[in-house]
Structures are given as C-alpha cells and as structure tokens.
Amino acid sequence: MALMVLCIYTVYSARPCAIFRPMRLTLKHQIILAPAAVLLLMALLLAFLQYTYWDLSRKRQEARNLGTVFVALAEAELATQRMHSLLMQLGGEPLVDVRCFGELNGLYEHLDGATGRILQILPLPEQSRTLLRQAVADLNPELGIDVDRFNAAIVMLRPELGSLSELIQRQREKLRGLHSQDVDELVDHTAFVSIVVLGSAIVVGIFLSMYFGRRILRRVKELSDSAGRVAAGDLTPPPAPAQVHDELDALALAINHMTDRLLRVVGTEKLLEGAEEERRRIAMDIHDQTLADLASVLRGIQEVRCEGECKNGVARIEEDLRRAIGNLREVMDNLHPQTLDILGLGPALESHLERHLSKPDLPPYHLYISPRVDTLPLSRAARLALYRIALEAIHNVIKHAQASRYEVNLDRRENDLILSIEDNGNGFDPRAVPTSGHRGLYNIRERAKTIGAEVSWGASRFTSGTRFELTLPLPDAGQGA
C-alpha cells in the first residue's frame, strides 16, 4: 500500500519528476520497473501465503502429536490396568503360570513403547520423566515377579498417567477449537490480503507504466519533432542535455551533434555553390563584355592600312592582342568551363585533358569515359563538383606523384557513379598528410561531401602508385536532376 501511495504521489504531484530526478534511471530500467514492481508484490504475496501455510502445517503437526500422545496414554493406561488385574489374580502364589508371565511380558512391551512415545513427544519436566522411566522399569517382568514392587510401581504410575491424560485432553480440546477458528480466520485473512496485494500490484503496475511511458513518449516526441524540423530544412540544433543519463539523452546529444555537423556541411555547400556561381557570372561577364571589346579592338587593328615600320608594329600589336584573348579564354575556362554546360561532364574532361595535359613534358594518360555517363541525371552542381575533383586529383598526380603514366576512368557501377584516377608514381598515405598546406585533399573531401559522394585513396593496380576513387550514389530512375 505504501508503494502504491508513493507511485500515485509521484504521478500526480506538482513536481512529477522530483523523486526520480536525483537518480535518473536508464531507459531499459524504466521499461522494466513496472513489471518488476508487480513481480515484487506478487513475490511478497507468495511469501506471505507460504508463511501462513507453514504456520498452519505446524499447528496441524502439533495436533497430530497430541493425538499420538493421547493414544499412547490410553494404551499405557490399559496396559497398566491389565497388569494390575493379573497381579491381583496371582495374589501370593509362589509359582507363576507361563501364560500369565507371557501376557505380563507383552503388556510391559506395550507399556514401554507407549511411554517411550510420550517421553519423545511431550516436553515434560525432568522429575516427571524420571518418575515414568522408574515406574516402567519396575514393571519389567524380566526382573522377577515381585507383587509388592509391581503394586508400588502401579500406584506411582497410574496417577501420573491420569494427570497427563487430563492435560492432553484439555490441550486437544483447546487446539481443536483454535484450529477450527484459525482455519476460518486464515481463509478470510488470506483472501483479504491476496485481494489487496493483487489490487495494489495492478495499480502500481498501471501507474508506473503510465508515468514512465508518458515520460518516455514525451521525450521521444521531442526528439522526433527535432528530427522532423531538421529534415524539413530547419537546421536549428535541438538543445543538448547537460548530462547523459540514459539512451534518449544519448540520442538527443547525437541529433544535436548531427545537426551541428549538417550546418557546417550545408554552410560549406552554400559557400562552394556561391563561389561557383560567382565564377560563372565573372566568366559570363568576361565573355560578354571584355572579350567582345577586345574582339572589336582586334577588328579595328586588322582594318588599319599602313606600310613599313608601322605595319610591323600593327602586326605585333595584333599578335599580342590575340595572345591576350587566348589567355583570357583560358581564364574563363578555369573560372567556369563552358564545355561542361554545353557538352556535359565527359566531353569537358576530355577537352581539358587534350588542350592542357597532352604535352610532351607531361606524363601520358589513358582516358575512359563510359557512354552511359552523359545520360545520368546529374545536377549542375554535381557535374561541376565532379569536374573540379577530377582536375584536382589529376593535378596532384602531375605535381606530386612523379608518375610516368596515369589512367582516368569515369563509369557507372550498378547504382553508383565511379570516378577513379590511378598512377604508377610514388604513392602516399592520405592519413599521414597534414591538413595545413594541403588544401587540395581538403577541397576534394569538402566538394565530395556537398554532393553526397565518398572518396578514398588506396594502392594502385600498378607495381607502385596510388588509386583515387570517388563513389557517388545515383538518384533513383525517373528522379529528376
């Protein structure tokens, strides 16, 4: 009952968590607390019933012992009376009939056995026990038929047996009444206690389940709402618990850290997208304005008609202007490759390699681009990120690997797009490369994160060198870019 009152107070008090706040239970303990409390109350009920049954069994055993003593007293009394009758018949005869002697011997055995059971069961005073043993020993026919000794022993034994019989009879009557009364009270008491304990167990289980269930569901709903807001685009981190007490606190802390990291990833993605958009705008401005102006100047110079030294000067100016236009176009291509928007990822890579990396002083390469790549539903951001990552990885091979050849592969493997660049150079361990001073690897990782790709560096299939691989999960069929 006290436990039930405590649970009710816990659920409906003004501060429902006050009792459990100092020592918050783990989630699994909160879940099993209600059935554990019910099982504890049921165990206490079983212990009470077991004790009650033991007490009843003890009283029944006591009643059986009194019955055994009563029968033994009756047997001893009958044996004593019969022995007294036989002694009266014998009188003062000097010779004893064999049959009388045998009967006396049999009666003595019954008397000895009955008194032995009495002394074994009854907790008699030592004086009474000594008197009984002495009287029975004096009635032993094996010691000789001495009528005076027998009469003295019977006179000493019969009053003691009579008093014991009266005592046992009173105890039996008293125990019989108490037994009947105890059984009725026991049934009523046991039924009442069983109903109270079962009812308390049900109430305690319900209230503990309600309290912890409501508490767990409220916290789960808060976490679910936080995750839903993050999924909907609201990247406000949910509050992190000051201390991790259970699994839900650990989940809340994980969601907080995940949201914080997602904020950084999204911030990086937005920054890269903004930078690429600005580069694209600058390239368009250069193309639409600066190149147009330079082309107009070039046409004006080409229309100039002069002879001699003047003609040579105009030719030099025209050549310098053409070189400047070419350099400006290269700058435009580095800012934002137009071939990527016009032709696609594969042709843009192929064009860049042919125009810039097919020189005699650079290592030869092998390029393979699957025809299925151009049909993939890649967004403009994904195509641009893949293009920049491929160029950065190729630049690292040329600058650091000291390779004599390398291979560039762009292919589709089931539901993934695979970009791999493999060389036969020195090789390196990317984990041993410090972050500071090596922006190339950092840029590759950050660009891959913005499009949801994974990058890895491993051993090359050549005898030496490094294999760079990017894996981009492709959107489902029918999903737009």
Protein backbone atom coordinates (compact mmCIF):
# COMPACT_ATOMS: atom_id res chain seq x y z
CA MET A 1 0.00 0.00 0.00
CA ALA A 2 2.82 2.39 0.85
CA LEU A 3 4.43 1.72 -2.54
CA MET A 4 1.11 2.33 -4.28
CA VAL A 5 0.64 5.66 -2.47
CA LEU A 6 4.19 6.63 -3.37
CA CYS A 7 3.58 5.93 -7.08
CA ILE A 8 0.29 7.86 -7.08
CA TYR A 9 2.01 10.81 -5.42
CA THR A 10 4.81 10.63 -7.97
CA VAL A 11 2.45 10.73 -10.95
CA TYR A 12 0.07 13.43 -9.79
CA SER A 13 2.21 15.68 -7.59
CA ALA A 14 3.16 19.16 -8.68
CA ARG A 15 6.68 18.00 -9.49
CA PRO A 16 6.26 14.57 -11.06
CA CYS A 17 9.99 14.01 -11.56
CA ALA A 18 11.11 15.13 -8.12
CA ILE A 19 11.53 11.62 -6.75
CA PHE A 20 13.46 10.29 -9.73
CA ARG A 21 15.44 13.43 -10.61
CA PRO A 22 18.40 12.79 -8.25
CA MET A 23 18.96 9.33 -9.72
CA ARG A 24 17.60 9.07 -13.26
CA LEU A 25 17.11 5.51 -14.39
CA THR A 26 18.29 4.22 -17.73
CA LEU A 27 15.70 3.56 -20.38
CA LYS A 28 15.73 -0.21 -20.02
CA HIS A 29 15.33 0.10 -16.24
CA GLN A 30 12.41 2.48 -16.70
CA ILE A 31 10.75 -0.03 -19.01
CA ILE A 32 11.15 -2.99 -16.65
CA LEU A 33 10.38 -1.08 -13.43
CA ALA A 34 6.60 -1.56 -13.64
CA PRO A 35 6.67 -5.35 -14.20
CA ALA A 36 9.47 -5.63 -11.63
CA ALA A 37 7.32 -3.86 -9.02
CA VAL A 38 4.37 -6.12 -9.83
CA LEU A 39 6.56 -9.21 -9.58
CA LEU A 40 7.97 -7.98 -6.26
CA LEU A 41 4.50 -7.57 -4.80
CA MET A 42 3.50 -11.00 -6.10
CA ALA A 43 6.64 -12.48 -4.55
CA LEU A 44 5.75 -10.87 -1.21
CA LEU A 45 2.24 -12.30 -1.52
CA LEU A 46 3.65 -15.76 -2.21
CA ALA A 47 5.98 -15.40 0.78
CA PHE A 48 3.03 -14.46 2.99
CA LEU A 49 0.98 -17.41 1.74
CA GLN A 50 3.96 -19.71 2.26
CA TYR A 51 4.40 -18.47 5.84
CA THR A 52 0.68 -18.89 6.51
CA TYR A 53 0.74 -22.42 5.16
CA TRP A 54 3.81 -23.21 7.26
CA ASP A 55 2.10 -21.90 10.40
CA LEU A 56 -0.99 -23.97 9.63
CA SER A 57 1.16 -27.03 8.97
CA ARG A 58 2.94 -26.50 12.28
CA LYS A 59 -0.36 -26.37 14.13
CA ARG A 60 -1.58 -29.46 12.34
CA GLN A 61 1.59 -31.29 13.29
CA GLU A 62 1.10 -30.21 16.89
CA ALA A 63 -2.46 -31.59 16.80
CA ARG A 64 -1.19 -34.89 15.35
CA ASN A 65 1.46 -35.09 18.08
CA LEU A 66 -1.16 -34.54 20.78
CA GLY A 67 -3.30 -37.27 19.21
CA THR A 68 -0.34 -39.63 19.19
CA VAL A 69 0.37 -38.86 22.88
CA PHE A 70 -3.29 -39.29 23.78
CA VAL A 71 -3.37 -42.71 22.13
CA ALA A 72 -0.08 -43.65 23.83
CA LEU A 73 -1.51 -42.58 27.24
CA ALA A 74 -4.63 -44.64 26.65
CA GLU A 75 -2.51 -47.61 25.65
CA ALA A 76 -0.30 -47.19 28.71
CA GLU A 77 -3.34 -46.84 30.98
CA LEU A 78 -4.94 -50.01 29.58
CA ALA A 79 -1.68 -51.93 29.88
CA THR A 80 -1.28 -50.77 33.49
CA GLN A 81 -4.85 -51.76 34.38
CA ARG A 82 -4.44 -55.19 32.83
CA MET A 83 -1.14 -55.76 34.62
CA HIS A 84 -2.77 -54.75 37.91
CA SER A 85 -5.61 -57.26 37.28
CA LEU A 86 -3.15 -60.06 36.59
CA LEU A 87 -1.22 -59.24 39.76
CA MET A 88 -4.45 -59.35 41.79
CA GLN A 89 -5.17 -62.84 40.35
CA LEU A 90 -1.72 -64.10 41.18
CA GLY A 91 -2.00 -62.96 44.80
CA GLY A 92 0.66 -64.64 46.89
CA GLU A 93 1.12 -67.79 44.80
CA PRO A 94 4.74 -68.88 44.79
CA LEU A 95 4.59 -70.20 41.20
CA VAL A 96 3.60 -68.16 38.13
CA ASP A 97 1.85 -69.60 35.17
CA VAL A 98 3.83 -69.41 31.97
CA ARG A 99 0.90 -67.92 30.12
CA CYS A 100 0.49 -65.20 32.76
CA PHE A 101 4.21 -64.45 32.51
CA GLY A 102 3.96 -64.17 28.71
CA GLU A 103 0.95 -61.88 28.96
CA LEU A 104 2.75 -59.72 31.54
CA ASN A 105 5.74 -59.51 29.24
CA GLY A 106 3.53 -58.47 26.30
CA LEU A 107 1.74 -55.86 28.41
CA TYR A 108 5.10 -54.49 29.56
CA GLU A 109 6.28 -54.11 25.94
CA HIS A 110 3.11 -52.13 25.11
CA LEU A 111 3.59 -50.00 28.22
CA ASP A 112 7.27 -49.41 27.48
CA GLY A 113 6.55 -48.45 23.86
CA ALA A 114 3.69 -46.12 24.83
CA THR A 115 5.75 -44.33 27.50
CA GLY A 116 8.64 -44.08 25.07
CA ARG A 117 6.41 -42.22 22.55
CA ILE A 118 5.09 -39.99 25.32
CA LEU A 119 8.57 -39.06 26.51
CA GLN A 120 9.71 -38.48 22.92
CA ILE A 121 6.88 -36.07 22.03
CA LEU A 122 5.88 -34.31 25.26
CA PRO A 123 8.27 -31.73 26.79
CA LEU A 124 7.80 -33.00 30.39
CA PRO A 125 9.76 -31.78 33.40
CA GLU A 126 12.77 -33.87 34.30
CA GLN A 127 11.13 -35.10 37.55
CA SER A 128 8.11 -36.47 35.69
CA ARG A 129 10.32 -38.08 33.08
CA THR A 130 12.41 -39.79 35.77
CA LEU A 131 9.28 -40.99 37.59
CA LEU A 132 7.83 -42.51 34.40
CA ARG A 133 11.06 -44.25 33.49
CA GLN A 134 11.48 -45.63 37.04
CA ALA A 135 7.86 -46.86 37.26
CA VAL A 136 8.04 -48.59 33.87
CA ALA A 137 11.40 -50.15 34.74
CA ASP A 138 9.94 -51.56 38.00
CA LEU A 139 7.14 -53.27 36.00
CA ASN A 140 9.61 -55.26 33.88
CA PRO A 141 8.75 -59.00 34.35
CA GLU A 142 12.31 -59.90 33.41
CA LEU A 143 13.43 -58.57 36.80
CA GLY A 144 11.24 -61.10 38.54
CA ILE A 145 7.62 -61.26 39.67
CA ASP A 146 7.61 -59.19 42.83
CA VAL A 147 3.98 -58.31 43.62
CA ASP A 148 4.92 -55.59 46.10
CA ARG A 149 7.29 -53.94 43.63
CA PHE A 150 4.68 -54.14 40.88
CA ASN A 151 1.96 -52.66 43.10
CA ALA A 152 4.23 -49.82 44.20
CA ALA A 153 5.14 -49.05 40.59
CA ILE A 154 1.48 -49.13 39.50
CA VAL A 155 0.45 -46.89 42.39
CA MET A 156 3.18 -44.43 41.32
CA LEU A 157 2.43 -44.71 37.55
CA ARG A 158 -1.36 -44.54 37.33
CA PRO A 159 -1.84 -41.06 38.89
CA GLU A 160 0.86 -39.68 36.62
CA LEU A 161 -0.78 -41.19 33.55
CA GLY A 162 -4.16 -39.89 34.68
CA SER A 163 -2.88 -36.34 35.11
CA LEU A 164 -1.16 -36.48 31.74
CA SER A 165 -4.36 -37.75 30.11
CA GLU A 166 -6.37 -34.87 31.56
CA LEU A 167 -3.72 -32.38 30.44
CA ILE A 168 -3.58 -33.78 26.91
CA GLN A 169 -7.38 -33.88 26.71
CA ARG A 170 -7.62 -30.21 27.66
CA GLN A 171 -4.93 -29.27 25.14
CA ARG A 172 -6.66 -31.23 22.42
CA GLU A 173 -9.99 -29.57 23.11
CA LYS A 174 -8.36 -26.17 23.15
CA LEU A 175 -6.35 -26.87 19.99
CA ARG A 176 -9.41 -28.26 18.22
CA GLY A 177 -11.32 -25.06 18.87
CA LEU A 178 -8.36 -22.89 17.97
CA HIS A 179 -7.72 -24.94 14.85
CA SER A 180 -11.26 -24.51 13.62
CA GLN A 181 -11.17 -20.82 14.42
CA ASP A 182 -7.71 -20.37 12.86
CA VAL A 183 -8.75 -22.05 9.64
CA ASP A 184 -11.71 -19.70 9.25
CA GLU A 185 -9.62 -16.66 10.10
CA LEU A 186 -6.84 -17.89 7.87
CA VAL A 187 -9.16 -18.22 4.90
CA ASP A 188 -10.62 -14.75 5.48
CA HIS A 189 -7.25 -13.18 6.15
CA THR A 190 -5.56 -14.83 3.19
CA ALA A 191 -8.38 -13.89 0.83
CA PHE A 192 -8.30 -10.27 2.04
CA VAL A 193 -4.53 -9.96 1.80
CA SER A 194 -4.48 -11.61 -1.63
CA ILE A 195 -7.12 -9.22 -2.96
CA VAL A 196 -5.30 -6.19 -1.50
CA VAL A 197 -1.90 -7.25 -2.82
CA LEU A 198 -3.21 -8.16 -6.26
CA GLY A 199 -5.11 -4.90 -6.48
CA SER A 200 -2.05 -2.96 -5.31
CA ALA A 201 0.14 -4.78 -7.83
CA ILE A 202 -2.24 -3.90 -10.66
CA VAL A 203 -2.50 -0.27 -9.56
CA VAL A 204 1.27 0.06 -9.06
CA GLY A 205 1.96 -1.52 -12.45
CA ILE A 206 -0.55 0.77 -14.19
CA PHE A 207 0.71 3.95 -12.56
CA LEU A 208 4.40 3.13 -13.07
CA SER A 209 3.69 2.24 -16.70
CA MET A 210 1.72 5.48 -17.16
CA TYR A 211 4.41 7.60 -15.54
CA PHE A 212 7.44 6.18 -17.31
CA GLY A 213 5.55 5.52 -20.55
CA ARG A 214 4.28 9.10 -20.71
CA ARG A 215 7.72 10.41 -19.83
CA ILE A 216 9.45 8.28 -22.46
CA LEU A 217 6.85 9.09 -25.14
CA ARG A 218 7.16 12.82 -24.41
CA ARG A 219 10.92 12.71 -24.81
CA VAL A 220 10.66 10.53 -27.94
CA LYS A 221 8.18 13.02 -29.42
CA GLU A 222 10.57 15.88 -28.71
CA LEU A 223 13.36 14.02 -30.48
CA SER A 224 11.04 13.11 -33.36
CA ASP A 225 9.95 16.74 -33.72
CA SER A 226 13.59 17.87 -33.71
CA ALA A 227 14.49 15.31 -36.38
CA GLY A 228 11.41 16.34 -38.41
CA ARG A 229 12.41 20.01 -38.28
CA VAL A 230 15.92 19.13 -39.41
CA ALA A 231 14.53 17.03 -42.26
CA ALA A 232 12.22 19.91 -43.25
CA GLY A 233 15.20 22.26 -43.53
CA ASP A 234 15.14 23.97 -40.15
CA LEU A 235 18.73 23.41 -39.07
CA THR A 236 18.35 24.93 -35.62
CA PRO A 237 20.18 22.46 -33.32
CA PRO A 238 17.96 20.95 -30.62
CA PRO A 239 19.11 21.61 -27.05
CA ALA A 240 21.76 19.14 -25.90
CA PRO A 241 21.37 17.55 -22.45
CA ALA A 242 23.84 18.72 -19.82
CA GLN A 243 24.47 15.11 -18.76
CA VAL A 244 23.80 11.79 -20.48
CA HIS A 245 21.72 9.67 -18.10
CA ASP A 246 20.05 7.23 -20.49
CA GLU A 247 19.74 6.18 -24.11
CA LEU A 248 17.34 9.02 -25.02
CA ASP A 249 19.80 11.59 -23.71
CA ALA A 250 22.49 9.96 -25.85
CA LEU A 251 20.14 10.13 -28.86
CA ALA A 252 19.37 13.80 -28.18
CA LEU A 253 23.09 14.56 -27.97
CA ALA A 254 23.71 12.64 -31.22
CA ILE A 255 20.94 14.62 -33.01
CA ASN A 256 22.45 17.86 -31.70
CA HIS A 257 25.92 16.92 -32.97
CA MET A 258 24.47 15.67 -36.27
CA THR A 259 22.59 18.95 -36.78
CA ASP A 260 25.70 20.94 -35.97
CA ARG A 261 27.78 18.97 -38.47
CA LEU A 262 24.99 19.25 -41.04
CA LEU A 263 25.05 23.00 -40.55
CA ARG A 264 28.75 23.05 -41.31
CA VAL A 265 28.29 20.79 -44.36
CA VAL A 266 25.40 22.87 -45.68
CA GLY A 267 27.37 26.04 -44.99
CA THR A 268 30.30 24.67 -46.96
CA GLU A 269 27.97 23.59 -49.74
CA LYS A 270 26.36 27.02 -49.92
CA LEU A 271 29.77 28.65 -49.87
CA LEU A 272 31.00 26.46 -52.73
CA GLU A 273 27.79 26.99 -54.67
CA GLY A 274 28.08 30.74 -54.16
CA ALA A 275 31.71 30.70 -55.22
CA GLU A 276 30.94 28.65 -58.33
CA GLU A 277 28.01 30.90 -59.20
CA GLU A 278 30.20 33.96 -58.83
CA ARG A 279 32.89 32.37 -61.00
CA ARG A 280 30.24 31.56 -63.59
CA ARG A 281 28.98 35.16 -63.51
CA ILE A 282 32.51 36.55 -63.86
CA ALA A 283 33.20 34.19 -66.79
CA MET A 284 29.98 35.32 -68.48
CA ASP A 285 30.82 38.96 -67.91
CA ILE A 286 34.30 38.45 -69.36
CA HIS A 287 32.84 36.65 -72.35
CA ASP A 288 30.00 39.09 -72.99
CA GLN A 289 31.86 42.31 -72.27
CA THR A 290 35.65 42.07 -72.14
CA LEU A 291 36.10 39.56 -74.96
CA ALA A 292 33.59 41.43 -77.09
CA ASP A 293 35.50 44.67 -76.54
CA LEU A 294 38.86 43.00 -77.29
CA ALA A 295 37.41 41.40 -80.42
CA SER A 296 36.21 44.81 -81.56
CA VAL A 297 39.65 46.29 -80.97
CA LEU A 298 41.20 43.39 -82.90
CA ARG A 299 38.92 44.02 -85.85
CA GLY A 300 39.83 47.73 -85.76
CA ILE A 301 43.52 46.94 -85.79
CA GLN A 302 43.05 44.48 -88.66
CA GLU A 303 41.42 47.30 -90.69
CA VAL A 304 44.41 49.61 -90.24
CA ARG A 305 46.33 50.04 -93.51
CA CYS A 306 49.92 51.12 -93.26
CA GLU A 307 53.34 50.33 -94.71
CA GLY A 308 56.86 49.68 -93.47
CA GLU A 309 57.64 50.04 -89.80
CA CYS A 310 54.07 50.89 -88.97
CA LYS A 311 52.81 47.65 -90.47
CA ASN A 312 55.22 45.57 -88.37
CA GLY A 313 54.11 47.39 -85.22
CA VAL A 314 50.45 46.77 -86.00
CA ALA A 315 51.19 43.08 -86.61
CA ARG A 316 52.92 42.81 -83.22
CA ILE A 317 50.01 44.54 -81.53
CA GLU A 318 47.60 42.18 -83.30
CA GLU A 319 49.61 39.14 -82.18
CA ASP A 320 49.75 40.38 -78.58
CA LEU A 321 46.04 41.04 -78.65
CA ARG A 322 45.29 37.54 -79.95
CA ARG A 323 47.50 36.08 -77.21
CA ALA A 324 45.69 38.15 -74.58
CA ILE A 325 42.32 36.97 -75.92
CA GLY A 326 43.55 33.35 -75.73
CA ASN A 327 44.81 33.82 -72.19
CA LEU A 328 41.52 35.42 -71.26
CA ARG A 329 39.60 32.49 -72.71
CA GLU A 330 41.77 30.14 -70.64
CA VAL A 331 40.99 32.18 -67.54
CA MET A 332 37.30 31.95 -68.42
CA ASP A 333 37.58 28.21 -68.81
CA ASN A 334 39.26 27.89 -65.43
CA LEU A 335 36.61 30.07 -63.82
CA HIS A 336 33.76 28.09 -65.31
CA PRO A 337 34.17 25.62 -68.21
CA GLN A 338 31.60 26.38 -70.87
CA THR A 339 32.02 22.91 -72.37
CA LEU A 340 30.63 21.47 -69.13
CA ASP A 341 27.34 23.30 -69.58
CA ILE A 342 27.19 22.76 -73.32
CA LEU A 343 28.56 19.23 -73.89
CA GLY A 344 28.49 17.54 -70.46
CA LEU A 345 30.90 16.07 -67.94
CA GLY A 346 32.68 13.53 -70.15
CA PRO A 347 33.45 15.81 -73.09
CA ALA A 348 34.50 18.62 -70.72
CA LEU A 349 37.09 16.34 -69.05
CA GLU A 350 38.29 15.05 -72.41
CA SER A 351 38.61 18.59 -73.79
CA HIS A 352 40.58 19.81 -70.80
CA LEU A 353 43.00 16.86 -70.92
CA GLU A 354 43.58 17.26 -74.67
CA ARG A 355 44.14 21.04 -74.53
CA HIS A 356 46.19 21.30 -71.34
CA LEU A 357 47.71 17.93 -70.44
CA SER A 358 48.68 16.42 -73.79
CA LYS A 359 52.11 18.00 -73.82
CA PRO A 360 55.45 16.19 -74.35
CA ASP A 361 56.80 17.22 -70.95
CA LEU A 362 53.76 15.72 -69.10
CA PRO A 363 53.17 12.02 -68.39
CA PRO A 364 50.89 10.22 -70.85
CA TYR A 365 47.41 9.26 -69.75
CA HIS A 366 44.64 6.87 -70.67
CA LEU A 367 41.09 8.21 -70.50
CA TYR A 368 37.97 6.06 -70.44
CA ILE A 369 34.50 7.60 -70.12
CA SER A 370 31.51 5.29 -70.30
CA PRO A 371 28.86 6.36 -72.82
CA ARG A 372 26.25 5.88 -70.09
CA VAL A 373 27.69 8.76 -68.04
CA ASP A 374 26.19 11.50 -70.23
CA THR A 375 22.71 10.03 -69.78
CA LEU A 376 22.85 10.09 -66.00
CA PRO A 377 20.51 12.51 -64.19
CA LEU A 378 23.25 14.60 -62.58
CA SER A 379 22.58 18.09 -61.33
CA ARG A 380 24.70 21.02 -62.49
CA ALA A 381 26.27 21.24 -59.04
CA ALA A 382 27.17 17.53 -59.14
CA ARG A 383 28.70 17.80 -62.63
CA LEU A 384 30.74 20.83 -61.64
CA ALA A 385 31.93 19.20 -58.39
CA LEU A 386 32.98 16.03 -60.23
CA TYR A 387 34.81 18.11 -62.84
CA ARG A 388 36.69 20.11 -60.20
CA ILE A 389 37.54 16.97 -58.17
CA ALA A 390 38.85 15.16 -61.25
CA LEU A 391 41.07 18.10 -62.24
CA GLU A 392 42.39 18.47 -58.67
CA ALA A 393 43.23 14.75 -58.45
CA ILE A 394 44.95 14.81 -61.86
CA HIS A 395 46.87 17.93 -60.84
CA ASN A 396 48.07 16.11 -57.69
CA VAL A 397 49.32 13.20 -59.81
CA ILE A 398 51.27 15.50 -62.14
CA LYS A 399 52.65 17.68 -59.33
CA HIS A 400 53.45 15.17 -56.57
CA ALA A 401 53.33 11.54 -57.77
CA GLN A 402 56.30 11.65 -60.19
CA ALA A 403 54.39 9.11 -62.27
CA SER A 404 55.30 8.01 -65.79
CA ARG A 405 51.64 7.35 -66.68
CA TYR A 406 48.16 7.53 -65.19
CA GLU A 407 44.62 6.45 -66.03
CA VAL A 408 41.33 8.33 -65.67
CA ASN A 409 38.10 6.32 -65.64
CA LEU A 410 34.52 7.53 -65.34
CA ASP A 411 31.97 4.72 -65.32
CA ARG A 412 28.70 3.56 -63.82
CA ARG A 413 28.69 0.58 -61.46
CA GLU A 414 25.14 -0.53 -60.69
CA ASN A 415 23.60 2.46 -58.85
CA ASP A 416 26.89 4.34 -58.34
CA LEU A 417 28.97 6.66 -60.46
CA ILE A 418 32.67 5.80 -60.10
CA LEU A 419 35.45 8.26 -60.83
CA SER A 420 38.94 6.74 -60.48
CA ILE A 421 42.40 8.15 -61.16
CA GLU A 422 45.29 5.69 -60.91
CA ASP A 423 49.01 6.29 -61.33
CA ASN A 424 52.30 4.39 -61.05
CA GLY A 425 54.07 7.04 -59.02
CA ASN A 426 55.47 7.16 -55.52
CA GLY A 427 52.21 6.64 -53.64
CA PHE A 428 51.28 8.22 -50.31
CA ASP A 429 49.17 7.72 -47.19
CA PRO A 430 46.44 10.41 -47.03
CA ARG A 431 46.10 9.91 -43.27
CA ALA A 432 49.74 10.94 -42.78
CA VAL A 433 49.35 14.15 -44.80
CA PRO A 434 48.89 17.23 -42.56
CA THR A 435 45.82 19.35 -43.20
CA SER A 436 47.67 22.64 -43.22
CA GLY A 437 49.40 23.38 -46.50
CA HIS A 438 47.50 20.68 -48.44
CA ARG A 439 44.30 22.37 -49.49
CA GLY A 440 43.90 20.04 -52.47
CA LEU A 441 42.90 16.97 -50.45
CA TYR A 442 40.70 19.11 -48.20
CA ASN A 443 38.93 20.63 -51.21
CA ILE A 444 38.37 17.18 -52.70
CA ARG A 445 36.78 15.92 -49.48
CA GLU A 446 34.61 19.00 -49.00
CA ARG A 447 33.38 19.02 -52.60
CA ALA A 448 32.56 15.31 -52.32
CA LYS A 449 30.54 15.96 -49.16
CA THR A 450 28.45 18.62 -50.86
CA ILE A 451 27.18 16.11 -53.44
CA GLY A 452 26.94 13.12 -51.04
CA ALA A 453 29.91 11.24 -52.50
CA GLU A 454 32.62 9.23 -50.77
CA VAL A 455 36.32 9.42 -51.64
CA SER A 456 39.18 7.07 -50.82
CA TRP A 457 42.85 6.61 -51.60
CA GLY A 458 44.48 3.20 -51.84
CA ALA A 459 47.14 1.14 -53.53
CA SER A 460 47.29 1.25 -57.29
CA ARG A 461 46.98 -1.78 -59.54
CA PHE A 462 50.39 -0.87 -60.91
CA THR A 463 53.51 -2.04 -59.13
CA SER A 464 53.54 1.30 -57.31
CA GLY A 465 51.41 4.40 -57.07
CA THR A 466 48.03 5.47 -55.76
CA ARG A 467 44.43 4.86 -56.75
CA PHE A 468 41.96 7.65 -56.04
CA GLU A 469 38.31 6.63 -56.20
CA LEU A 470 35.09 8.62 -55.81
CA THR A 471 31.74 6.87 -55.38
CA LEU A 472 28.56 8.89 -55.98
CA PRO A 473 25.19 7.19 -55.31
CA LEU A 474 22.91 7.90 -58.24
CA PRO A 475 19.30 9.07 -57.81
CA ASP A 476 16.51 6.59 -58.48
CA ALA A 477 15.36 6.03 -62.00
CA GLY A 478 12.92 8.66 -63.05
CA GLN A 479 14.08 11.18 -60.47
CA GLY A 480 15.00 14.49 -61.92
CA ALA A 481 18.32 16.22 -61.77
